[in-house]
Amino acid sequence: MRLAAIDVGSNSVHLLIADVSADGHLEVVERVKQMVRLGRRSFTTGRLTEEAMDLAVRALAQFRRVVEVRRVDGVRAVATSAVREARNRAGFLDRVKRESGIEVEVISGYEEARLIYRAARHVLGLEGGPHLLVDIGGGSVELVLVKDRRPVWMKSVKLGAARLIEHFLRDDPPTQAQCKRLESHLEAAIGAQMRSARRAGVVRAVGTSGTINLIVAMACAARGEGVERLHGATASAAEVARLCRKLVRTNAAMRMTLPGMDPKRVDQVAAAATLAEFVLRHSHAAQLTACTWALREGLLLEMAQTKEDRTMRQTRPASIGALATRFAQSNRHGRHVAMLAVQLFDATAIELRLPQSSRELLGYAALLHDIGHAIDHDRHNRHSYYLVKNAELPGFEPAEIEMLALAAGAHRNQASQLDSPE
């Protein structure tokens, strides 16, 4: 099915259109984002501003036209914190329906957390753990503690970055007193949940929103690493703490010069970093991992009624199979090579002391090694490399995707020539 999810958030409105298979594989068709800032001043006044509503209505009218052009089978639009709390939300929703034809559903914070969890579980597996999901929006933060794929608890708290700026970090840069007040507020609001996560032995925090994943990207940039693929990238708790100290001590103009900064988030990133650092420090999570699937992907999975009991063992082969089918159709040659490769592995694994984890990756790389033929026959191995490297492959870590791409690209003994497909 071709489905569309619309997220009317406190900072931005997003449209995600994807072809969704029965097993939950998403093939993205279109992503559109408009920054409208519905949450600006609404968390202190209790009302959405006319300017923000105008921008949101225009954006949603544009989304409706995109949905029609893309011949979407089903649409679901939801609104979160800013609209949820606004006293004038009824008038805004009526206007959206009248002028754009889109009916927006206001969901609760708990429902928001549940959909985020569903998406993260689908793409990451979340086996073992415990894992602490953290989604920092403009108006709220959603926290979910997950162990062995099941939620231990879910919580939505009014601690979004835009709200924290309005109520606590009003100066730029914020004063030391403002930072201390915010620290006390965070302790009162989520201190108990962080202690619960610490006692459970949380192994990592997983960021599932643009703002918190910007922090991961900036930490990677600070250590000199480019972030070609944000999903699965990590930042240590110490790196987040250093970045937080730097962000709260600089003003917007100085923050703009920091490596990896997104100009659209420069005003809220200090508040988000303060919250992320608090979560890591008090939960004792050693690292923060970026996850690019969140609310919108959860909506699509729910609309497609994909199976709830999906495991990582199912996710990985489904991801590989979908990519192979897209570019190689029946892929008879790829399947034959994969069978031979695995047989060779089994025959030599003991003698060469090969780890069993390599067997799975070898088979997947063999399945994908010829997909570059869909682009160009003469240099198909180099195109195979780029197709694998830039594909969405739920269930795989960035390092594993890089290994798959290198193996696929090097099957003609040209590994040193993979820098460019030209």
Foldseek 3Di string as FASTA:
>chain_A
DWEWEWEAEQFKIKIWTFDADQQGDTDTDDIDIDGLRQNAVCLVVLAGDPSSLVRVLVVLLVVLVVCVVVVGPYYAYEYEDSLVRHPCNVVSQVSSCVRRVDHYHYDYQQVQLVLFLLFCCLQAQCEAFQEWEWEAGQFWIKIFGDYRSHTPDIDIFRQHLNSLCVPACVDFLRDPVSLVVVLVVCCVTCVVVLLVLQVVPGAAYEYAYPLLLLLLQLLCVVVPHHCPDSAQRKDFLVSLVVVLVVLSVGGLVVQVPRPSDDNSCSVRNNSVSSNVNSSCVSNVHGMYGYHHTGNRSSVVCVVSVHDSPDGLVNQQVVLLVVLLCVQPNVQPQLQVQLVVQLVVCVVCCVVVVPDPVVNVLSSSLSSQLQSQVSPPDVQSLLSSLVSQLPDSRRSDRNVSSNVSSLSSSCPVPPSVPNPDSD
